Amino acid sequence: MEKTQFVRSAPVKADFKSGTKFEELNEQTHVVVLQSKENLDLVKNSESHNFISEDLQKSGFAWVYQCKSRVLLVLNQKPTPIALRKQAVDSIEKLRDIKASNATIYITQDMDFTAAKHFIQGFMMWNYQFEMKSLPGVDLLKNISICFEKDLSDQEKCEAS
């Protein structure tokens, strides 16, 4: 009987930036935007405002298109660590459904840093796995960029990366 070995999946290339405006991301293909209920600027500017708001209220997620980017809006409804990590897992699954290989996590200026950190941790953990050599694995994201709209302090930069 052949022994099965567990091996670590291919490493993910992670990129980190702070002080980034959303307009600077227009070359990114898939953007995951974590935002609070109070700040739905991307939705307000959309022609489909009512439909998007309805999707966000029902499921906490909505797809929109902004310039060349396909944007997954994630509404931070419950700012608990477990709820944020669950939203991150669901976000990864939505990206896998469309066979994305790259993603940018964009944290809006009004989002609490601790909440953002829990979301990012959940996102990165769900995209990391050990797999068996003899079985096909799940498609993982290969490149992940993490962008904060606001400039972070040195302490926050250290914690986020």
N, C-alpha and C. Protein backbone atom coordinates (compact mmCIF):
# COMPACT_ATOMS: atom_id res chain seq x y z
N MET A 1 0.83 -1.19 0.00
CA MET A 1 0.00 0.00 0.00
C MET A 1 0.88 1.25 0.00
N GLU A 2 0.56 2.16 -0.87
CA GLU A 2 1.33 3.39 -1.01
C GLU A 2 1.06 4.33 0.17
N LYS A 3 2.15 4.90 0.71
CA LYS A 3 1.99 5.88 1.78
C LYS A 3 1.62 7.23 1.18
N THR A 4 0.72 7.89 1.84
CA THR A 4 0.33 9.22 1.40
C THR A 4 1.05 10.24 2.26
N GLN A 5 1.64 11.20 1.59
CA GLN A 5 2.35 12.26 2.30
C GLN A 5 1.54 13.54 2.26
N PHE A 6 1.61 14.28 3.33
CA PHE A 6 1.02 15.61 3.33
C PHE A 6 2.11 16.61 3.01
N VAL A 7 1.80 17.49 2.08
CA VAL A 7 2.78 18.51 1.70
C VAL A 7 2.13 19.87 1.78
N ARG A 8 2.94 20.87 2.01
CA ARG A 8 2.42 22.22 2.08
C ARG A 8 2.11 22.72 0.68
N SER A 9 1.00 23.41 0.53
CA SER A 9 0.63 23.96 -0.77
C SER A 9 1.62 25.02 -1.20
N ALA A 10 1.56 25.38 -2.47
CA ALA A 10 2.45 26.41 -3.01
C ALA A 10 2.30 27.70 -2.22
N PRO A 11 3.41 28.39 -1.97
CA PRO A 11 3.32 29.63 -1.19
C PRO A 11 2.53 30.71 -1.93
N VAL A 12 1.89 31.54 -1.16
CA VAL A 12 1.10 32.64 -1.69
C VAL A 12 1.97 33.88 -1.68
N LYS A 13 1.95 34.62 -2.76
CA LYS A 13 2.66 35.89 -2.81
C LYS A 13 1.74 36.95 -2.23
N ALA A 14 2.09 37.52 -1.10
CA ALA A 14 1.26 38.54 -0.45
C ALA A 14 1.95 39.90 -0.56
N ASP A 15 1.16 40.89 -0.81
CA ASP A 15 1.63 42.25 -1.03
C ASP A 15 0.84 43.16 -0.08
N PHE A 16 1.47 44.12 0.55
CA PHE A 16 0.81 44.96 1.55
C PHE A 16 1.06 46.44 1.27
N LYS A 17 -0.02 47.26 1.31
CA LYS A 17 0.11 48.71 1.08
C LYS A 17 -0.85 49.44 1.99
N SER A 18 -0.46 50.63 2.43
CA SER A 18 -1.40 51.49 3.16
C SER A 18 -1.43 52.84 2.46
N GLY A 19 -2.49 53.60 2.73
CA GLY A 19 -2.66 54.91 2.09
C GLY A 19 -3.01 54.79 0.62
N THR A 20 -3.80 53.78 0.26
CA THR A 20 -4.16 53.54 -1.13
C THR A 20 -5.60 53.98 -1.40
N LYS A 21 -5.81 54.73 -2.44
CA LYS A 21 -7.16 55.14 -2.84
C LYS A 21 -7.73 54.06 -3.76
N PHE A 22 -9.04 53.87 -3.70
CA PHE A 22 -9.67 52.82 -4.50
C PHE A 22 -9.39 53.00 -5.99
N GLU A 23 -9.34 54.25 -6.45
CA GLU A 23 -9.10 54.52 -7.86
C GLU A 23 -7.76 53.96 -8.34
N GLU A 24 -6.82 53.80 -7.43
CA GLU A 24 -5.51 53.26 -7.78
C GLU A 24 -5.56 51.76 -8.06
N LEU A 25 -6.67 51.12 -7.76
CA LEU A 25 -6.79 49.68 -7.94
C LEU A 25 -7.44 49.29 -9.25
N ASN A 26 -7.67 50.24 -10.15
CA ASN A 26 -8.45 49.93 -11.34
C ASN A 26 -7.82 48.91 -12.27
N GLU A 27 -6.60 48.53 -12.06
CA GLU A 27 -5.98 47.48 -12.87
C GLU A 27 -6.15 46.10 -12.22
N GLN A 28 -6.62 46.06 -10.99
CA GLN A 28 -6.82 44.79 -10.30
C GLN A 28 -8.08 44.12 -10.84
N THR A 29 -8.05 42.81 -11.00
CA THR A 29 -9.18 42.09 -11.55
C THR A 29 -10.24 41.81 -10.50
N HIS A 30 -9.85 41.29 -9.36
CA HIS A 30 -10.80 40.93 -8.30
C HIS A 30 -10.43 41.67 -7.02
N VAL A 31 -11.36 42.48 -6.54
CA VAL A 31 -11.13 43.26 -5.33
C VAL A 31 -12.21 42.89 -4.32
N VAL A 32 -11.79 42.58 -3.10
CA VAL A 32 -12.71 42.31 -2.00
C VAL A 32 -12.68 43.53 -1.10
N VAL A 33 -13.82 44.22 -0.97
CA VAL A 33 -13.88 45.44 -0.18
C VAL A 33 -14.64 45.16 1.11
N LEU A 34 -13.97 45.31 2.22
CA LEU A 34 -14.61 45.19 3.53
C LEU A 34 -15.00 46.59 3.97
N GLN A 35 -16.28 46.77 4.25
CA GLN A 35 -16.74 48.09 4.66
C GLN A 35 -17.88 47.99 5.66
N SER A 36 -18.08 49.09 6.35
CA SER A 36 -19.13 49.13 7.37
C SER A 36 -20.46 49.54 6.76
N LYS A 37 -21.53 49.37 7.53
CA LYS A 37 -22.87 49.75 7.07
C LYS A 37 -22.95 51.24 6.77
N GLU A 38 -22.22 52.04 7.54
CA GLU A 38 -22.31 53.48 7.42
C GLU A 38 -21.69 54.00 6.12
N ASN A 39 -20.75 53.27 5.56
CA ASN A 39 -20.02 53.77 4.40
C ASN A 39 -20.21 52.82 3.22
N LEU A 40 -21.15 53.14 2.37
CA LEU A 40 -21.38 52.35 1.17
C LEU A 40 -21.20 53.22 -0.08
N ASP A 41 -20.06 53.90 -0.13
CA ASP A 41 -19.81 54.83 -1.23
C ASP A 41 -19.84 54.17 -2.60
N LEU A 42 -19.27 52.98 -2.74
CA LEU A 42 -19.26 52.31 -4.03
C LEU A 42 -20.68 51.98 -4.49
N VAL A 43 -21.53 51.66 -3.55
CA VAL A 43 -22.91 51.32 -3.87
C VAL A 43 -23.69 52.57 -4.25
N LYS A 44 -23.49 53.65 -3.54
CA LYS A 44 -24.24 54.89 -3.79
C LYS A 44 -24.01 55.41 -5.20
N ASN A 45 -22.83 55.18 -5.75
CA ASN A 45 -22.52 55.67 -7.09
C ASN A 45 -22.99 54.74 -8.20
N SER A 46 -23.50 53.60 -7.84
CA SER A 46 -23.90 52.61 -8.83
C SER A 46 -25.32 52.84 -9.32
N GLU A 47 -25.55 52.50 -10.59
CA GLU A 47 -26.90 52.60 -11.14
C GLU A 47 -27.84 51.58 -10.49
N SER A 48 -27.31 50.46 -10.05
CA SER A 48 -28.10 49.39 -9.45
C SER A 48 -28.12 49.48 -7.93
N HIS A 49 -28.09 50.68 -7.41
CA HIS A 49 -27.99 50.91 -5.97
C HIS A 49 -28.98 50.07 -5.15
N ASN A 50 -30.24 50.04 -5.55
CA ASN A 50 -31.26 49.32 -4.78
C ASN A 50 -31.00 47.81 -4.75
N PHE A 51 -30.65 47.23 -5.90
CA PHE A 51 -30.40 45.79 -5.97
C PHE A 51 -29.17 45.41 -5.14
N ILE A 52 -28.13 46.21 -5.25
CA ILE A 52 -26.89 45.93 -4.52
C ILE A 52 -27.13 46.05 -3.01
N SER A 53 -27.81 47.10 -2.61
CA SER A 53 -28.12 47.27 -1.18
C SER A 53 -28.95 46.11 -0.66
N GLU A 54 -29.88 45.63 -1.47
CA GLU A 54 -30.72 44.50 -1.07
C GLU A 54 -29.87 43.23 -0.90
N ASP A 55 -28.95 42.97 -1.84
CA ASP A 55 -28.05 41.82 -1.73
C ASP A 55 -27.19 41.91 -0.48
N LEU A 56 -26.68 43.11 -0.21
CA LEU A 56 -25.83 43.30 0.97
C LEU A 56 -26.62 43.04 2.26
N GLN A 57 -27.85 43.50 2.30
CA GLN A 57 -28.66 43.30 3.51
C GLN A 57 -29.03 41.84 3.70
N LYS A 58 -29.31 41.12 2.60
CA LYS A 58 -29.71 39.71 2.70
C LYS A 58 -28.54 38.79 3.03
N SER A 59 -27.46 38.93 2.27
CA SER A 59 -26.37 37.96 2.41
C SER A 59 -25.07 38.53 2.96
N GLY A 60 -24.94 39.85 2.95
CA GLY A 60 -23.69 40.46 3.39
C GLY A 60 -22.68 40.60 2.27
N PHE A 61 -23.05 40.15 1.04
CA PHE A 61 -22.14 40.19 -0.10
C PHE A 61 -22.87 40.74 -1.33
N ALA A 62 -22.12 41.39 -2.22
CA ALA A 62 -22.66 41.82 -3.50
C ALA A 62 -21.50 42.01 -4.49
N TRP A 63 -21.71 41.60 -5.72
CA TRP A 63 -20.73 41.83 -6.79
C TRP A 63 -21.09 43.12 -7.51
N VAL A 64 -20.10 43.97 -7.74
CA VAL A 64 -20.27 45.16 -8.56
C VAL A 64 -19.05 45.28 -9.48
N TYR A 65 -19.18 46.06 -10.51
CA TYR A 65 -18.07 46.32 -11.42
C TYR A 65 -17.70 47.78 -11.32
N GLN A 66 -16.42 48.04 -11.14
CA GLN A 66 -15.91 49.39 -11.01
C GLN A 66 -14.68 49.48 -11.92
N CYS A 67 -14.75 50.28 -12.96
CA CYS A 67 -13.68 50.37 -13.96
C CYS A 67 -13.40 48.97 -14.51
N LYS A 68 -12.18 48.49 -14.38
CA LYS A 68 -11.83 47.16 -14.88
C LYS A 68 -11.88 46.10 -13.79
N SER A 69 -12.32 46.47 -12.62
CA SER A 69 -12.31 45.56 -11.47
C SER A 69 -13.66 44.92 -11.24
N ARG A 70 -13.63 43.66 -10.89
CA ARG A 70 -14.83 42.96 -10.40
C ARG A 70 -14.71 43.02 -8.89
N VAL A 71 -15.66 43.69 -8.24
CA VAL A 71 -15.55 44.00 -6.82
C VAL A 71 -16.57 43.18 -6.02
N LEU A 72 -16.09 42.50 -5.01
CA LEU A 72 -16.96 41.80 -4.07
C LEU A 72 -17.07 42.67 -2.83
N LEU A 73 -18.25 43.25 -2.63
CA LEU A 73 -18.48 44.07 -1.44
C LEU A 73 -18.83 43.13 -0.29
N VAL A 74 -18.19 43.33 0.84
CA VAL A 74 -18.45 42.54 2.04
C VAL A 74 -18.89 43.52 3.11
N LEU A 75 -20.11 43.36 3.57
CA LEU A 75 -20.66 44.26 4.57
C LEU A 75 -20.36 43.72 5.96
N ASN A 76 -19.63 44.49 6.74
CA ASN A 76 -19.28 44.09 8.10
C ASN A 76 -20.49 44.33 9.01
N GLN A 77 -21.31 43.30 9.15
CA GLN A 77 -22.54 43.43 9.93
C GLN A 77 -22.32 43.15 11.41
N LYS A 78 -21.49 42.15 11.71
CA LYS A 78 -21.20 41.78 13.10
C LYS A 78 -19.69 41.86 13.29
N PRO A 79 -19.20 42.84 14.03
CA PRO A 79 -17.76 43.01 14.15
C PRO A 79 -17.08 42.08 15.16
N THR A 80 -17.56 40.84 15.28
CA THR A 80 -16.89 39.89 16.17
C THR A 80 -15.82 39.15 15.38
N PRO A 81 -14.75 38.70 16.04
CA PRO A 81 -13.69 37.99 15.31
C PRO A 81 -14.21 36.77 14.54
N ILE A 82 -15.09 36.01 15.14
CA ILE A 82 -15.60 34.81 14.47
C ILE A 82 -16.42 35.18 13.24
N ALA A 83 -17.29 36.19 13.35
CA ALA A 83 -18.12 36.61 12.21
C ALA A 83 -17.25 37.16 11.08
N LEU A 84 -16.21 37.91 11.41
CA LEU A 84 -15.32 38.46 10.38
C LEU A 84 -14.54 37.35 9.68
N ARG A 85 -14.07 36.38 10.43
CA ARG A 85 -13.35 35.26 9.81
C ARG A 85 -14.28 34.44 8.92
N LYS A 86 -15.53 34.27 9.35
CA LYS A 86 -16.52 33.55 8.53
C LYS A 86 -16.77 34.31 7.23
N GLN A 87 -16.87 35.63 7.30
CA GLN A 87 -17.04 36.43 6.08
C GLN A 87 -15.83 36.28 5.16
N ALA A 88 -14.65 36.20 5.73
CA ALA A 88 -13.44 36.01 4.93
C ALA A 88 -13.48 34.66 4.22
N VAL A 89 -13.88 33.62 4.93
CA VAL A 89 -14.00 32.29 4.33
C VAL A 89 -15.01 32.32 3.19
N ASP A 90 -16.16 32.92 3.43
CA ASP A 90 -17.19 33.01 2.39
C ASP A 90 -16.69 33.82 1.19
N SER A 91 -15.87 34.84 1.45
CA SER A 91 -15.31 35.64 0.35
C SER A 91 -14.38 34.79 -0.51
N ILE A 92 -13.52 34.01 0.12
CA ILE A 92 -12.62 33.13 -0.63
C ILE A 92 -13.43 32.15 -1.47
N GLU A 93 -14.48 31.59 -0.89
CA GLU A 93 -15.31 30.63 -1.63
C GLU A 93 -15.96 31.30 -2.85
N LYS A 94 -16.39 32.54 -2.71
CA LYS A 94 -16.98 33.27 -3.84
C LYS A 94 -15.92 33.51 -4.93
N LEU A 95 -14.69 33.78 -4.53
CA LEU A 95 -13.60 33.95 -5.49
C LEU A 95 -13.26 32.62 -6.17
N ARG A 96 -13.31 31.53 -5.42
CA ARG A 96 -13.06 30.21 -6.02
C ARG A 96 -14.15 29.84 -7.01
N ASP A 97 -15.38 30.24 -6.71
CA ASP A 97 -16.50 29.95 -7.62
C ASP A 97 -16.28 30.55 -9.01
N ILE A 98 -15.62 31.70 -9.06
CA ILE A 98 -15.37 32.34 -10.36
C ILE A 98 -13.95 32.05 -10.86
N LYS A 99 -13.27 31.13 -10.19
CA LYS A 99 -11.93 30.67 -10.58
C LYS A 99 -10.88 31.78 -10.58
N ALA A 100 -10.97 32.66 -9.59
CA ALA A 100 -9.99 33.74 -9.45
C ALA A 100 -8.66 33.18 -8.95
N SER A 101 -7.56 33.73 -9.43
CA SER A 101 -6.25 33.32 -8.92
C SER A 101 -5.56 34.46 -8.18
N ASN A 102 -6.05 35.67 -8.37
CA ASN A 102 -5.49 36.85 -7.71
C ASN A 102 -6.62 37.64 -7.06
N ALA A 103 -6.31 38.29 -5.96
CA ALA A 103 -7.32 39.12 -5.30
C ALA A 103 -6.63 40.23 -4.52
N THR A 104 -7.35 41.32 -4.38
CA THR A 104 -6.90 42.43 -3.55
C THR A 104 -7.94 42.63 -2.46
N ILE A 105 -7.52 42.63 -1.22
CA ILE A 105 -8.40 42.95 -0.10
C ILE A 105 -8.24 44.45 0.14
N TYR A 106 -9.34 45.17 0.06
CA TYR A 106 -9.29 46.63 0.23
C TYR A 106 -10.08 47.00 1.48
N ILE A 107 -9.43 47.61 2.43
CA ILE A 107 -10.04 48.00 3.69
C ILE A 107 -10.31 49.50 3.66
N THR A 108 -11.59 49.87 3.77
CA THR A 108 -11.95 51.29 3.70
C THR A 108 -11.48 52.04 4.95
N GLN A 109 -11.41 53.33 4.82
CA GLN A 109 -10.88 54.19 5.87
C GLN A 109 -11.67 54.11 7.17
N ASP A 110 -12.97 53.92 7.09
CA ASP A 110 -13.80 53.91 8.31
C ASP A 110 -13.78 52.57 9.04
N MET A 111 -13.16 51.55 8.47
CA MET A 111 -13.15 50.23 9.09
C MET A 111 -12.16 50.19 10.26
N ASP A 112 -12.59 49.64 11.35
CA ASP A 112 -11.75 49.47 12.53
C ASP A 112 -10.58 48.54 12.20
N PHE A 113 -9.37 48.92 12.61
CA PHE A 113 -8.18 48.15 12.28
C PHE A 113 -8.26 46.72 12.83
N THR A 114 -8.74 46.56 14.06
CA THR A 114 -8.82 45.22 14.66
C THR A 114 -9.78 44.33 13.86
N ALA A 115 -10.90 44.90 13.44
CA ALA A 115 -11.85 44.13 12.62
C ALA A 115 -11.21 43.73 11.31
N ALA A 116 -10.51 44.65 10.68
CA ALA A 116 -9.83 44.35 9.42
C ALA A 116 -8.80 43.25 9.60
N LYS A 117 -8.09 43.29 10.71
CA LYS A 117 -7.07 42.29 10.98
C LYS A 117 -7.69 40.89 11.09
N HIS A 118 -8.83 40.77 11.76
CA HIS A 118 -9.50 39.47 11.86
C HIS A 118 -9.95 38.97 10.49
N PHE A 119 -10.46 39.87 9.67
CA PHE A 119 -10.89 39.49 8.32
C PHE A 119 -9.70 38.99 7.50
N ILE A 120 -8.61 39.72 7.55
CA ILE A 120 -7.41 39.34 6.78
C ILE A 120 -6.87 38.00 7.27
N GLN A 121 -6.82 37.80 8.58
CA GLN A 121 -6.34 36.52 9.12
C GLN A 121 -7.19 35.36 8.62
N GLY A 122 -8.52 35.52 8.67
CA GLY A 122 -9.41 34.47 8.18
C GLY A 122 -9.21 34.21 6.70
N PHE A 123 -9.02 35.27 5.93
CA PHE A 123 -8.81 35.17 4.49
C PHE A 123 -7.54 34.38 4.20
N MET A 124 -6.46 34.77 4.85
CA MET A 124 -5.18 34.12 4.61
C MET A 124 -5.17 32.66 5.10
N MET A 125 -5.79 32.41 6.24
CA MET A 125 -5.83 31.03 6.76
C MET A 125 -6.64 30.11 5.85
N TRP A 126 -7.75 30.60 5.31
CA TRP A 126 -8.58 29.75 4.47
C TRP A 126 -7.93 29.51 3.11
N ASN A 127 -7.00 30.37 2.72
CA ASN A 127 -6.30 30.20 1.46
C ASN A 127 -5.02 29.37 1.63
N TYR A 128 -4.78 28.88 2.81
CA TYR A 128 -3.59 28.08 3.09
C TYR A 128 -4.05 26.68 3.44
N GLN A 129 -3.43 25.69 2.88
CA GLN A 129 -3.83 24.34 3.22
C GLN A 129 -2.69 23.37 3.01
N PHE A 130 -2.79 22.25 3.67
CA PHE A 130 -1.94 21.12 3.39
C PHE A 130 -2.77 20.20 2.51
N GLU A 131 -2.14 19.59 1.54
CA GLU A 131 -2.90 18.69 0.69
C GLU A 131 -2.14 17.38 0.50
N MET A 132 -2.87 16.39 0.14
CA MET A 132 -2.28 15.08 -0.07
C MET A 132 -1.74 15.01 -1.50
N LYS A 133 -0.55 14.46 -1.66
CA LYS A 133 0.06 14.40 -2.98
C LYS A 133 -0.79 13.58 -3.95
N SER A 134 -1.44 12.55 -3.46
CA SER A 134 -2.16 11.65 -4.35
C SER A 134 -3.56 12.14 -4.72
N LEU A 135 -4.02 13.23 -4.10
CA LEU A 135 -5.35 13.76 -4.39
C LEU A 135 -5.25 15.18 -4.92
N PRO A 136 -6.14 15.54 -5.85
CA PRO A 136 -6.11 16.93 -6.31
C PRO A 136 -6.59 17.86 -5.20
N GLY A 137 -5.99 19.03 -5.13
CA GLY A 137 -6.35 19.98 -4.08
C GLY A 137 -7.32 21.03 -4.57
N VAL A 138 -7.65 21.93 -3.70
CA VAL A 138 -8.51 23.06 -4.01
C VAL A 138 -7.66 24.14 -4.66
N ASP A 139 -8.24 24.85 -5.61
CA ASP A 139 -7.51 25.95 -6.23
C ASP A 139 -7.37 27.09 -5.23
N LEU A 140 -6.13 27.46 -4.97
CA LEU A 140 -5.85 28.55 -4.04
C LEU A 140 -5.53 29.82 -4.80
N LEU A 141 -5.76 30.94 -4.17
CA LEU A 141 -5.33 32.21 -4.74
C LEU A 141 -3.81 32.24 -4.73
N LYS A 142 -3.21 32.72 -5.78
CA LYS A 142 -1.75 32.73 -5.87
C LYS A 142 -1.14 34.06 -5.45
N ASN A 143 -1.87 35.15 -5.68
CA ASN A 143 -1.41 36.48 -5.32
C ASN A 143 -2.50 37.20 -4.55
N ILE A 144 -2.16 37.72 -3.39
CA ILE A 144 -3.11 38.47 -2.58
C ILE A 144 -2.47 39.79 -2.19
N SER A 145 -3.15 40.88 -2.53
CA SER A 145 -2.70 42.21 -2.11
C SER A 145 -3.63 42.68 -1.01
N ILE A 146 -3.07 43.33 -0.02
CA ILE A 146 -3.86 43.88 1.07
C ILE A 146 -3.62 45.38 1.07
N CYS A 147 -4.69 46.14 0.86
CA CYS A 147 -4.58 47.60 0.77
C CYS A 147 -5.48 48.27 1.80
N PHE A 148 -4.92 49.17 2.54
CA PHE A 148 -5.69 50.00 3.48
C PHE A 148 -5.83 51.38 2.89
N GLU A 149 -7.04 51.92 2.95
CA GLU A 149 -7.27 53.27 2.44
C GLU A 149 -6.52 54.30 3.29
N LYS A 150 -6.51 54.10 4.59
CA LYS A 150 -5.84 55.06 5.46
C LYS A 150 -4.38 54.68 5.65
N ASP A 151 -3.58 55.68 6.00
CA ASP A 151 -2.19 55.41 6.35
C ASP A 151 -2.18 54.77 7.73
N LEU A 152 -1.40 53.73 7.88
CA LEU A 152 -1.33 53.02 9.16
C LEU A 152 -0.11 53.47 9.95
N SER A 153 -0.23 53.37 11.26
CA SER A 153 0.92 53.65 12.11
C SER A 153 1.94 52.52 11.94
N ASP A 154 3.16 52.74 12.40
CA ASP A 154 4.19 51.70 12.29
C ASP A 154 3.76 50.43 13.03
N GLN A 155 3.12 50.59 14.18
CA GLN A 155 2.63 49.45 14.96
C GLN A 155 1.58 48.66 14.15
N GLU A 156 0.64 49.37 13.54
CA GLU A 156 -0.41 48.71 12.75
C GLU A 156 0.18 48.03 11.52
N LYS A 157 1.17 48.65 10.87
CA LYS A 157 1.83 48.03 9.72
C LYS A 157 2.48 46.72 10.12
N CYS A 158 3.12 46.72 11.27
CA CYS A 158 3.78 45.52 11.77
C CYS A 158 2.75 44.42 12.04
N GLU A 159 1.62 44.78 12.64
CA GLU A 159 0.57 43.80 12.95
C GLU A 159 -0.11 43.28 11.69
N ALA A 160 -0.26 44.13 10.68
CA ALA A 160 -1.00 43.75 9.48
C ALA A 160 -0.18 42.85 8.55
N SER A 161 1.12 43.00 8.55
CA SER A 161 1.91 42.21 7.58
C SER A 161 2.36 40.89 8.13
